[in-house]
N, C-alpha and C. Protein backbone atom coordinates (compact mmCIF):
# COMPACT_ATOMS: atom_id res chain seq x y z
N MET A 1 15.55 -103.71 -155.68
CA MET A 1 14.51 -103.93 -154.69
C MET A 1 13.26 -103.17 -155.13
N SER A 2 12.12 -103.83 -155.04
CA SER A 2 10.88 -103.20 -155.46
C SER A 2 10.44 -102.14 -154.46
N ALA A 3 9.60 -101.22 -154.95
CA ALA A 3 9.06 -100.17 -154.08
C ALA A 3 8.25 -100.78 -152.93
N PHE A 4 7.53 -101.87 -153.22
CA PHE A 4 6.72 -102.51 -152.19
C PHE A 4 7.60 -103.06 -151.07
N ILE A 5 8.66 -103.78 -151.43
CA ILE A 5 9.56 -104.36 -150.43
C ILE A 5 10.22 -103.25 -149.61
N LEU A 6 10.67 -102.20 -150.27
CA LEU A 6 11.28 -101.07 -149.56
C LEU A 6 10.28 -100.43 -148.61
N SER A 7 9.03 -100.30 -149.05
CA SER A 7 7.99 -99.70 -148.19
C SER A 7 7.78 -100.55 -146.94
N GLN A 8 7.83 -101.86 -147.10
CA GLN A 8 7.64 -102.75 -145.96
C GLN A 8 8.83 -102.67 -145.00
N LEU A 9 10.03 -102.52 -145.54
CA LEU A 9 11.22 -102.37 -144.69
C LEU A 9 11.16 -101.07 -143.87
N LEU A 10 10.68 -100.00 -144.49
CA LEU A 10 10.53 -98.74 -143.75
C LEU A 10 9.57 -98.90 -142.58
N ILE A 11 8.52 -99.66 -142.78
CA ILE A 11 7.55 -99.90 -141.70
C ILE A 11 8.18 -100.72 -140.59
N VAL A 12 8.99 -101.69 -140.94
CA VAL A 12 9.66 -102.49 -139.91
C VAL A 12 10.52 -101.58 -139.02
N ILE A 13 11.19 -100.62 -139.62
CA ILE A 13 12.00 -99.68 -138.83
C ILE A 13 11.09 -98.79 -137.98
N ALA A 14 9.98 -98.34 -138.57
CA ALA A 14 9.04 -97.48 -137.85
C ALA A 14 8.42 -98.20 -136.65
N ILE A 15 8.28 -99.51 -136.75
CA ILE A 15 7.69 -100.29 -135.66
C ILE A 15 8.47 -100.08 -134.36
N GLY A 16 9.79 -100.05 -134.45
CA GLY A 16 10.60 -99.85 -133.24
C GLY A 16 10.29 -98.54 -132.55
N SER A 17 10.17 -97.48 -133.32
CA SER A 17 9.85 -96.18 -132.74
C SER A 17 8.44 -96.16 -132.17
N ASP A 18 7.50 -96.79 -132.89
CA ASP A 18 6.12 -96.85 -132.42
C ASP A 18 6.02 -97.63 -131.11
N LEU A 19 6.71 -98.76 -131.05
CA LEU A 19 6.65 -99.58 -129.83
C LEU A 19 7.23 -98.83 -128.63
N ALA A 20 8.28 -98.10 -128.86
CA ALA A 20 8.90 -97.34 -127.77
C ALA A 20 7.99 -96.21 -127.30
N SER A 21 7.23 -95.62 -128.21
CA SER A 21 6.49 -94.40 -127.90
C SER A 21 5.62 -94.51 -126.66
N PHE A 22 4.81 -95.54 -126.57
CA PHE A 22 3.85 -95.60 -125.47
C PHE A 22 4.40 -96.27 -124.22
N GLN A 23 5.67 -96.57 -124.22
CA GLN A 23 6.26 -97.09 -123.00
C GLN A 23 6.83 -95.96 -122.15
N TYR A 24 6.77 -94.76 -122.69
CA TYR A 24 7.17 -93.57 -121.93
C TYR A 24 5.95 -92.97 -121.26
N LYS A 25 6.16 -92.32 -120.14
CA LYS A 25 5.09 -91.59 -119.46
C LYS A 25 5.03 -90.15 -119.97
N SER A 26 6.19 -89.61 -120.30
CA SER A 26 6.30 -88.23 -120.74
C SER A 26 5.68 -88.03 -122.12
N LYS A 27 4.77 -87.06 -122.23
CA LYS A 27 4.16 -86.76 -123.52
C LYS A 27 5.22 -86.37 -124.53
N ALA A 28 6.23 -85.62 -124.11
CA ALA A 28 7.28 -85.18 -125.03
C ALA A 28 8.01 -86.37 -125.65
N LYS A 29 8.31 -87.38 -124.85
CA LYS A 29 9.00 -88.56 -125.37
C LYS A 29 8.09 -89.38 -126.29
N ILE A 30 6.82 -89.48 -125.91
CA ILE A 30 5.85 -90.19 -126.75
C ILE A 30 5.80 -89.52 -128.12
N VAL A 31 5.65 -88.21 -128.12
CA VAL A 31 5.50 -87.45 -129.35
C VAL A 31 6.78 -87.49 -130.19
N ALA A 32 7.94 -87.43 -129.56
CA ALA A 32 9.21 -87.50 -130.30
C ALA A 32 9.30 -88.81 -131.07
N CYS A 33 8.94 -89.90 -130.44
CA CYS A 33 8.95 -91.21 -131.11
C CYS A 33 7.95 -91.23 -132.27
N LEU A 34 6.79 -90.63 -132.06
CA LEU A 34 5.78 -90.60 -133.10
C LEU A 34 6.23 -89.76 -134.30
N CYS A 35 7.02 -88.73 -134.06
CA CYS A 35 7.57 -87.92 -135.16
C CYS A 35 8.53 -88.74 -136.01
N ILE A 36 9.38 -89.50 -135.36
CA ILE A 36 10.33 -90.35 -136.09
C ILE A 36 9.59 -91.37 -136.95
N SER A 37 8.65 -92.06 -136.35
CA SER A 37 7.91 -93.06 -137.13
C SER A 37 7.06 -92.40 -138.21
N GLY A 38 6.58 -91.19 -137.95
CA GLY A 38 5.78 -90.47 -138.95
C GLY A 38 6.53 -90.23 -140.25
N VAL A 39 7.79 -89.87 -140.15
CA VAL A 39 8.60 -89.66 -141.35
C VAL A 39 8.73 -90.97 -142.14
N LEU A 40 9.00 -92.05 -141.44
CA LEU A 40 9.17 -93.35 -142.10
C LEU A 40 7.87 -93.84 -142.72
N ILE A 41 6.77 -93.63 -142.04
CA ILE A 41 5.47 -94.06 -142.56
C ILE A 41 5.07 -93.21 -143.77
N THR A 42 5.41 -91.93 -143.74
CA THR A 42 5.15 -91.06 -144.90
C THR A 42 5.86 -91.62 -146.13
N LEU A 43 7.12 -91.97 -145.97
CA LEU A 43 7.89 -92.53 -147.09
C LEU A 43 7.27 -93.86 -147.56
N HIS A 44 6.82 -94.66 -146.63
CA HIS A 44 6.14 -95.93 -146.94
C HIS A 44 4.95 -95.68 -147.87
N PHE A 45 4.10 -94.72 -147.50
CA PHE A 45 2.92 -94.46 -148.31
C PHE A 45 3.27 -93.85 -149.66
N ILE A 46 4.32 -93.04 -149.72
CA ILE A 46 4.76 -92.50 -151.02
C ILE A 46 5.17 -93.64 -151.95
N LEU A 47 5.94 -94.58 -151.41
CA LEU A 47 6.37 -95.72 -152.23
C LEU A 47 5.19 -96.55 -152.73
N LEU A 48 4.12 -96.58 -151.97
CA LEU A 48 2.92 -97.33 -152.38
C LEU A 48 1.95 -96.46 -153.19
N GLN A 49 2.35 -95.24 -153.50
CA GLN A 49 1.55 -94.29 -154.27
C GLN A 49 0.20 -94.01 -153.62
N GLN A 50 0.22 -93.95 -152.30
CA GLN A 50 -0.97 -93.62 -151.51
C GLN A 50 -0.78 -92.18 -151.01
N TYR A 51 -1.10 -91.23 -151.87
CA TYR A 51 -0.73 -89.84 -151.62
C TYR A 51 -1.57 -89.17 -150.54
N THR A 52 -2.82 -89.59 -150.38
CA THR A 52 -3.61 -89.03 -149.27
C THR A 52 -2.98 -89.44 -147.95
N ALA A 53 -2.73 -90.73 -147.80
CA ALA A 53 -2.13 -91.23 -146.56
C ALA A 53 -0.75 -90.63 -146.33
N ALA A 54 0.04 -90.49 -147.40
CA ALA A 54 1.38 -89.90 -147.27
C ALA A 54 1.29 -88.45 -146.80
N ALA A 55 0.39 -87.69 -147.40
CA ALA A 55 0.24 -86.29 -147.01
C ALA A 55 -0.28 -86.17 -145.58
N LEU A 56 -1.21 -87.05 -145.21
CA LEU A 56 -1.74 -87.02 -143.84
C LEU A 56 -0.66 -87.40 -142.82
N MET A 57 0.20 -88.33 -143.17
CA MET A 57 1.28 -88.71 -142.25
C MET A 57 2.34 -87.62 -142.17
N ALA A 58 2.63 -86.96 -143.27
CA ALA A 58 3.56 -85.83 -143.23
C ALA A 58 2.99 -84.73 -142.34
N LEU A 59 1.70 -84.46 -142.51
CA LEU A 59 1.03 -83.48 -141.66
C LEU A 59 1.05 -83.93 -140.20
N ALA A 60 0.87 -85.22 -139.97
CA ALA A 60 0.88 -85.75 -138.61
C ALA A 60 2.23 -85.52 -137.94
N THR A 61 3.29 -85.66 -138.70
CA THR A 61 4.62 -85.44 -138.14
C THR A 61 4.77 -83.99 -137.69
N VAL A 62 4.33 -83.06 -138.53
CA VAL A 62 4.37 -81.63 -138.16
C VAL A 62 3.43 -81.37 -136.99
N ARG A 63 2.26 -81.99 -137.02
CA ARG A 63 1.27 -81.82 -135.95
C ARG A 63 1.81 -82.28 -134.61
N PHE A 64 2.41 -83.47 -134.58
CA PHE A 64 2.95 -83.97 -133.32
C PHE A 64 4.08 -83.07 -132.82
N PHE A 65 4.93 -82.63 -133.74
CA PHE A 65 6.01 -81.73 -133.34
C PHE A 65 5.43 -80.44 -132.76
N SER A 66 4.43 -79.89 -133.41
CA SER A 66 3.79 -78.65 -132.92
C SER A 66 3.16 -78.85 -131.55
N SER A 67 2.62 -80.03 -131.31
CA SER A 67 1.94 -80.27 -130.04
C SER A 67 2.91 -80.31 -128.86
N LEU A 68 4.20 -80.40 -129.15
CA LEU A 68 5.19 -80.30 -128.06
C LEU A 68 5.21 -78.89 -127.47
N PHE A 69 4.80 -77.91 -128.26
CA PHE A 69 4.89 -76.52 -127.85
C PHE A 69 3.55 -75.88 -127.51
N THR A 70 2.47 -76.48 -127.97
CA THR A 70 1.16 -75.89 -127.69
C THR A 70 0.08 -76.96 -127.66
N SER A 71 -0.92 -76.71 -126.87
CA SER A 71 -2.12 -77.56 -126.89
C SER A 71 -3.33 -76.68 -127.18
N ALA A 72 -3.08 -75.55 -127.83
CA ALA A 72 -4.14 -74.59 -128.14
C ALA A 72 -5.21 -75.20 -129.05
N PRO A 73 -6.47 -75.02 -128.69
CA PRO A 73 -7.55 -75.53 -129.52
C PRO A 73 -7.51 -75.00 -130.96
N ALA A 74 -7.03 -73.78 -131.13
CA ALA A 74 -6.94 -73.22 -132.48
C ALA A 74 -5.97 -74.02 -133.36
N MET A 75 -4.89 -74.51 -132.77
CA MET A 75 -3.94 -75.32 -133.53
C MET A 75 -4.56 -76.68 -133.87
N MET A 76 -5.29 -77.23 -132.93
CA MET A 76 -5.97 -78.50 -133.20
C MET A 76 -6.95 -78.31 -134.36
N LEU A 77 -7.69 -77.23 -134.34
CA LEU A 77 -8.64 -76.94 -135.41
C LEU A 77 -7.92 -76.74 -136.74
N LEU A 78 -6.79 -76.07 -136.72
CA LEU A 78 -6.01 -75.87 -137.94
C LEU A 78 -5.58 -77.21 -138.54
N PHE A 79 -5.03 -78.10 -137.72
CA PHE A 79 -4.57 -79.39 -138.23
C PHE A 79 -5.73 -80.29 -138.65
N ALA A 80 -6.85 -80.19 -137.96
CA ALA A 80 -8.03 -80.96 -138.36
C ALA A 80 -8.53 -80.47 -139.73
N THR A 81 -8.57 -79.16 -139.89
CA THR A 81 -9.00 -78.57 -141.17
C THR A 81 -8.06 -78.98 -142.30
N LEU A 82 -6.76 -78.93 -142.03
CA LEU A 82 -5.78 -79.34 -143.04
C LEU A 82 -5.95 -80.81 -143.40
N SER A 83 -6.25 -81.65 -142.43
CA SER A 83 -6.48 -83.07 -142.71
C SER A 83 -7.66 -83.27 -143.66
N VAL A 84 -8.74 -82.55 -143.40
CA VAL A 84 -9.92 -82.66 -144.25
C VAL A 84 -9.62 -82.13 -145.65
N LEU A 85 -8.92 -81.00 -145.73
CA LEU A 85 -8.58 -80.43 -147.04
C LEU A 85 -7.67 -81.36 -147.85
N ILE A 86 -6.66 -81.91 -147.19
CA ILE A 86 -5.76 -82.85 -147.87
C ILE A 86 -6.56 -84.03 -148.40
N SER A 87 -7.43 -84.57 -147.57
CA SER A 87 -8.22 -85.73 -147.98
C SER A 87 -9.15 -85.39 -149.14
N ALA A 88 -9.73 -84.21 -149.12
CA ALA A 88 -10.63 -83.80 -150.20
C ALA A 88 -9.88 -83.60 -151.51
N PHE A 89 -8.72 -82.95 -151.45
CA PHE A 89 -7.98 -82.65 -152.68
C PHE A 89 -7.25 -83.85 -153.26
N THR A 90 -6.98 -84.85 -152.44
CA THR A 90 -6.27 -86.03 -152.95
C THR A 90 -7.18 -87.24 -153.04
N TYR A 91 -8.46 -87.05 -152.82
CA TYR A 91 -9.42 -88.15 -152.79
C TYR A 91 -9.38 -88.98 -154.07
N VAL A 92 -9.25 -90.29 -153.87
CA VAL A 92 -9.32 -91.23 -154.98
C VAL A 92 -10.37 -92.30 -154.69
N ASP A 93 -10.40 -92.76 -153.44
CA ASP A 93 -11.33 -93.82 -153.07
C ASP A 93 -11.62 -93.75 -151.57
N ALA A 94 -12.33 -94.75 -151.07
CA ALA A 94 -12.74 -94.77 -149.66
C ALA A 94 -11.56 -94.79 -148.70
N LEU A 95 -10.39 -95.23 -149.15
CA LEU A 95 -9.22 -95.21 -148.26
C LEU A 95 -8.92 -93.80 -147.77
N ALA A 96 -9.21 -92.81 -148.60
CA ALA A 96 -8.97 -91.42 -148.19
C ALA A 96 -9.86 -91.03 -147.01
N ILE A 97 -11.08 -91.50 -147.01
CA ILE A 97 -12.01 -91.19 -145.92
C ILE A 97 -11.56 -91.89 -144.64
N ILE A 98 -11.17 -93.15 -144.77
CA ILE A 98 -10.73 -93.91 -143.60
C ILE A 98 -9.48 -93.29 -142.99
N SER A 99 -8.51 -92.93 -143.85
CA SER A 99 -7.28 -92.32 -143.32
C SER A 99 -7.56 -90.94 -142.73
N CYS A 100 -8.50 -90.22 -143.30
CA CYS A 100 -8.87 -88.92 -142.75
C CYS A 100 -9.47 -89.07 -141.35
N CYS A 101 -10.32 -90.06 -141.17
CA CYS A 101 -10.89 -90.31 -139.83
C CYS A 101 -9.79 -90.61 -138.82
N GLY A 102 -8.85 -91.48 -139.20
CA GLY A 102 -7.72 -91.78 -138.32
C GLY A 102 -6.91 -90.54 -138.01
N SER A 103 -6.68 -89.73 -139.02
CA SER A 103 -5.91 -88.50 -138.83
C SER A 103 -6.63 -87.53 -137.89
N LEU A 104 -7.93 -87.40 -138.05
CA LEU A 104 -8.69 -86.48 -137.20
C LEU A 104 -8.64 -86.92 -135.73
N LEU A 105 -8.78 -88.22 -135.49
CA LEU A 105 -8.71 -88.72 -134.12
C LEU A 105 -7.31 -88.55 -133.54
N HIS A 106 -6.30 -88.76 -134.35
CA HIS A 106 -4.92 -88.55 -133.89
C HIS A 106 -4.63 -87.06 -133.67
N THR A 107 -5.32 -86.20 -134.40
CA THR A 107 -5.17 -84.76 -134.18
C THR A 107 -5.70 -84.39 -132.79
N ILE A 108 -6.84 -84.91 -132.44
CA ILE A 108 -7.38 -84.67 -131.10
C ILE A 108 -6.37 -85.17 -130.06
N ALA A 109 -5.82 -86.35 -130.30
CA ALA A 109 -4.85 -86.94 -129.37
C ALA A 109 -3.64 -86.05 -129.19
N ALA A 110 -3.12 -85.55 -130.29
CA ALA A 110 -1.88 -84.77 -130.23
C ALA A 110 -2.01 -83.53 -129.35
N PHE A 111 -3.20 -82.97 -129.31
CA PHE A 111 -3.36 -81.73 -128.56
C PHE A 111 -3.98 -81.93 -127.17
N CYS A 112 -4.04 -83.17 -126.73
CA CYS A 112 -4.45 -83.44 -125.35
C CYS A 112 -3.34 -82.99 -124.42
N LYS A 113 -3.72 -82.46 -123.28
CA LYS A 113 -2.72 -81.94 -122.35
C LYS A 113 -2.07 -83.03 -121.52
N ASN A 114 -2.69 -84.20 -121.43
CA ASN A 114 -2.07 -85.28 -120.64
C ASN A 114 -1.99 -86.56 -121.46
N ASP A 115 -1.08 -87.41 -121.04
CA ASP A 115 -0.82 -88.62 -121.82
C ASP A 115 -1.96 -89.63 -121.75
N GLN A 116 -2.77 -89.61 -120.69
CA GLN A 116 -3.87 -90.58 -120.60
C GLN A 116 -4.88 -90.35 -121.72
N ARG A 117 -5.31 -89.11 -121.90
CA ARG A 117 -6.25 -88.79 -122.98
C ARG A 117 -5.59 -89.01 -124.34
N LEU A 118 -4.32 -88.65 -124.46
CA LEU A 118 -3.60 -88.88 -125.70
C LEU A 118 -3.66 -90.36 -126.08
N ARG A 119 -3.41 -91.23 -125.12
CA ARG A 119 -3.43 -92.67 -125.37
C ARG A 119 -4.82 -93.13 -125.82
N GLN A 120 -5.87 -92.61 -125.20
CA GLN A 120 -7.23 -93.02 -125.54
C GLN A 120 -7.61 -92.62 -126.97
N TRP A 121 -7.32 -91.38 -127.33
CA TRP A 121 -7.64 -90.92 -128.69
C TRP A 121 -6.76 -91.60 -129.73
N MET A 122 -5.49 -91.86 -129.39
CA MET A 122 -4.60 -92.56 -130.31
C MET A 122 -5.12 -93.97 -130.59
N LEU A 123 -5.65 -94.62 -129.59
CA LEU A 123 -6.20 -95.96 -129.76
C LEU A 123 -7.34 -95.94 -130.78
N LEU A 124 -8.25 -95.00 -130.63
CA LEU A 124 -9.37 -94.90 -131.57
C LEU A 124 -8.89 -94.60 -132.99
N GLY A 125 -7.98 -93.66 -133.11
CA GLY A 125 -7.45 -93.32 -134.44
C GLY A 125 -6.72 -94.49 -135.08
N SER A 126 -6.02 -95.25 -134.26
CA SER A 126 -5.25 -96.39 -134.78
C SER A 126 -6.15 -97.48 -135.35
N VAL A 127 -7.36 -97.59 -134.85
CA VAL A 127 -8.30 -98.57 -135.41
C VAL A 127 -8.60 -98.21 -136.87
N PHE A 128 -8.77 -96.93 -137.16
CA PHE A 128 -9.01 -96.51 -138.55
C PHE A 128 -7.78 -96.75 -139.42
N TRP A 129 -6.59 -96.46 -138.89
CA TRP A 129 -5.37 -96.70 -139.67
C TRP A 129 -5.15 -98.19 -139.87
N LEU A 130 -5.52 -99.02 -138.92
CA LEU A 130 -5.42 -100.47 -139.07
C LEU A 130 -6.31 -100.93 -140.23
N LEU A 131 -7.54 -100.46 -140.25
CA LEU A 131 -8.46 -100.79 -141.34
C LEU A 131 -7.90 -100.30 -142.67
N HIS A 132 -7.41 -99.07 -142.70
CA HIS A 132 -6.82 -98.50 -143.91
C HIS A 132 -5.69 -99.38 -144.44
N ASN A 133 -4.77 -99.74 -143.56
CA ASN A 133 -3.60 -100.51 -143.98
C ASN A 133 -3.98 -101.92 -144.41
N TYR A 134 -5.00 -102.49 -143.79
CA TYR A 134 -5.50 -103.80 -144.20
C TYR A 134 -6.08 -103.72 -145.62
N LEU A 135 -6.95 -102.74 -145.84
CA LEU A 135 -7.57 -102.60 -147.16
C LEU A 135 -6.54 -102.23 -148.22
N LEU A 136 -5.49 -101.53 -147.84
CA LEU A 136 -4.41 -101.18 -148.76
C LEU A 136 -3.60 -102.41 -149.16
N GLY A 137 -3.54 -103.39 -148.28
CA GLY A 137 -2.78 -104.60 -148.56
C GLY A 137 -1.31 -104.49 -148.19
N SER A 138 -1.04 -103.76 -147.11
CA SER A 138 0.34 -103.60 -146.63
C SER A 138 0.50 -104.41 -145.35
N PRO A 139 1.02 -105.64 -145.46
CA PRO A 139 1.10 -106.49 -144.27
C PRO A 139 1.98 -105.91 -143.15
N ALA A 140 3.07 -105.27 -143.50
CA ALA A 140 3.93 -104.69 -142.46
C ALA A 140 3.22 -103.54 -141.75
N ALA A 141 2.45 -102.76 -142.50
CA ALA A 141 1.71 -101.65 -141.88
C ALA A 141 0.59 -102.16 -140.99
N VAL A 142 -0.05 -103.28 -141.38
CA VAL A 142 -1.06 -103.90 -140.52
C VAL A 142 -0.41 -104.37 -139.23
N LEU A 143 0.72 -105.05 -139.34
CA LEU A 143 1.45 -105.51 -138.16
C LEU A 143 1.85 -104.32 -137.29
N MET A 144 2.32 -103.24 -137.93
CA MET A 144 2.72 -102.06 -137.18
C MET A 144 1.55 -101.51 -136.36
N GLU A 145 0.38 -101.39 -136.96
CA GLU A 145 -0.78 -100.86 -136.23
C GLU A 145 -1.20 -101.79 -135.10
N ILE A 146 -1.16 -103.09 -135.35
CA ILE A 146 -1.50 -104.03 -134.29
C ILE A 146 -0.53 -103.89 -133.12
N LEU A 147 0.76 -103.81 -133.43
CA LEU A 147 1.77 -103.65 -132.37
C LEU A 147 1.64 -102.29 -131.69
N PHE A 148 1.30 -101.26 -132.47
CA PHE A 148 1.12 -99.91 -131.93
C PHE A 148 -0.04 -99.91 -130.93
N ILE A 149 -1.14 -100.53 -131.32
CA ILE A 149 -2.30 -100.63 -130.43
C ILE A 149 -1.93 -101.42 -129.17
N ALA A 150 -1.23 -102.54 -129.36
CA ALA A 150 -0.83 -103.36 -128.21
C ALA A 150 0.10 -102.59 -127.28
N SER A 151 1.06 -101.87 -127.85
CA SER A 151 1.98 -101.08 -127.03
C SER A 151 1.23 -100.00 -126.26
N ASN A 152 0.29 -99.36 -126.93
CA ASN A 152 -0.53 -98.34 -126.28
C ASN A 152 -1.30 -98.96 -125.11
N LEU A 153 -1.90 -100.12 -125.33
CA LEU A 153 -2.66 -100.77 -124.26
C LEU A 153 -1.77 -101.21 -123.11
N VAL A 154 -0.58 -101.71 -123.41
CA VAL A 154 0.36 -102.09 -122.35
C VAL A 154 0.76 -100.87 -121.53
N GLY A 155 1.10 -99.79 -122.22
CA GLY A 155 1.46 -98.55 -121.52
C GLY A 155 0.30 -98.02 -120.69
N TYR A 156 -0.90 -98.07 -121.25
CA TYR A 156 -2.08 -97.61 -120.53
C TYR A 156 -2.28 -98.45 -119.27
N TYR A 157 -2.15 -99.74 -119.40
CA TYR A 157 -2.29 -100.62 -118.23
C TYR A 157 -1.23 -100.29 -117.19
N ARG A 158 0.01 -100.16 -117.62
CA ARG A 158 1.11 -99.91 -116.68
C ARG A 158 0.90 -98.61 -115.88
N TYR A 159 0.41 -97.57 -116.55
CA TYR A 159 0.31 -96.27 -115.89
C TYR A 159 -1.06 -95.97 -115.28
N TYR A 160 -2.12 -96.66 -115.76
CA TYR A 160 -3.45 -96.27 -115.30
C TYR A 160 -4.31 -97.39 -114.75
N LEU A 161 -4.04 -98.62 -115.06
CA LEU A 161 -4.92 -99.70 -114.62
C LEU A 161 -4.27 -100.67 -113.65
N ARG A 162 -2.96 -100.80 -113.69
CA ARG A 162 -2.28 -101.75 -112.82
C ARG A 162 -2.47 -101.36 -111.37
N PRO A 163 -2.80 -102.33 -110.55
CA PRO A 163 -2.94 -102.03 -109.12
C PRO A 163 -1.60 -101.52 -108.57
N SER A 164 -1.70 -100.62 -107.67
CA SER A 164 -0.50 -100.06 -107.03
C SER A 164 0.23 -101.15 -106.28
N THR A 165 1.55 -101.15 -106.38
CA THR A 165 2.36 -102.15 -105.67
C THR A 165 2.76 -101.67 -104.28
N GLU A 166 2.40 -100.42 -103.98
CA GLU A 166 2.73 -99.90 -102.65
C GLU A 166 1.79 -100.51 -101.63
N LYS A 167 2.33 -100.85 -100.48
CA LYS A 167 1.51 -101.45 -99.42
C LYS A 167 0.63 -100.39 -98.79
N GLN A 168 -0.59 -100.78 -98.62
CA GLN A 168 -1.55 -99.90 -97.96
C GLN A 168 -1.38 -100.03 -96.44
N PRO A 169 -1.49 -98.92 -95.67
CA PRO A 169 -1.39 -99.03 -94.22
C PRO A 169 -2.56 -99.85 -93.65
N ARG A 170 -2.23 -100.67 -92.69
CA ARG A 170 -3.28 -101.49 -92.05
C ARG A 170 -3.98 -100.69 -90.96
N ASN A 171 -5.23 -100.97 -90.83
CA ASN A 171 -5.99 -100.37 -89.71
C ASN A 171 -5.77 -101.24 -88.48
N SER A 172 -5.31 -100.66 -87.41
CA SER A 172 -5.04 -101.43 -86.19
C SER A 172 -6.24 -101.45 -85.28
């Protein structure tokens, strides 16, 4: 099996974890799912020899795990700085800049104290990763980002935009 086919299979597995992530209300459950998919996506990028993206996804996995225990601005700054340094030291082409932008937005998301802001920042960051994966030519990763964005929007609607189903008291 070629490295490309194996990379695409890893993304298919990661899609399940990504889709599940935003259907939870609990930030801890969202982040746990993102950690699982982060490991798989890291391996995907390694197989495609995209070392900036692989390093950023490995960092993202650690970042999301860390965010379960702290939302300290200093930690957010540390992970943002590490994202920029990784991108600078592994820079090959514009894909490094695009993935760095996605990583920085996801870093902000990870350290949000509530899931609503996390969802908003994740959506913005995912747009950059979608562009990255499209330009990379990874169809499964493009599909994953589209589904990730859709899942995020469905979860956002369910928890923040859907009209309440509880009956309002009538004025007599």
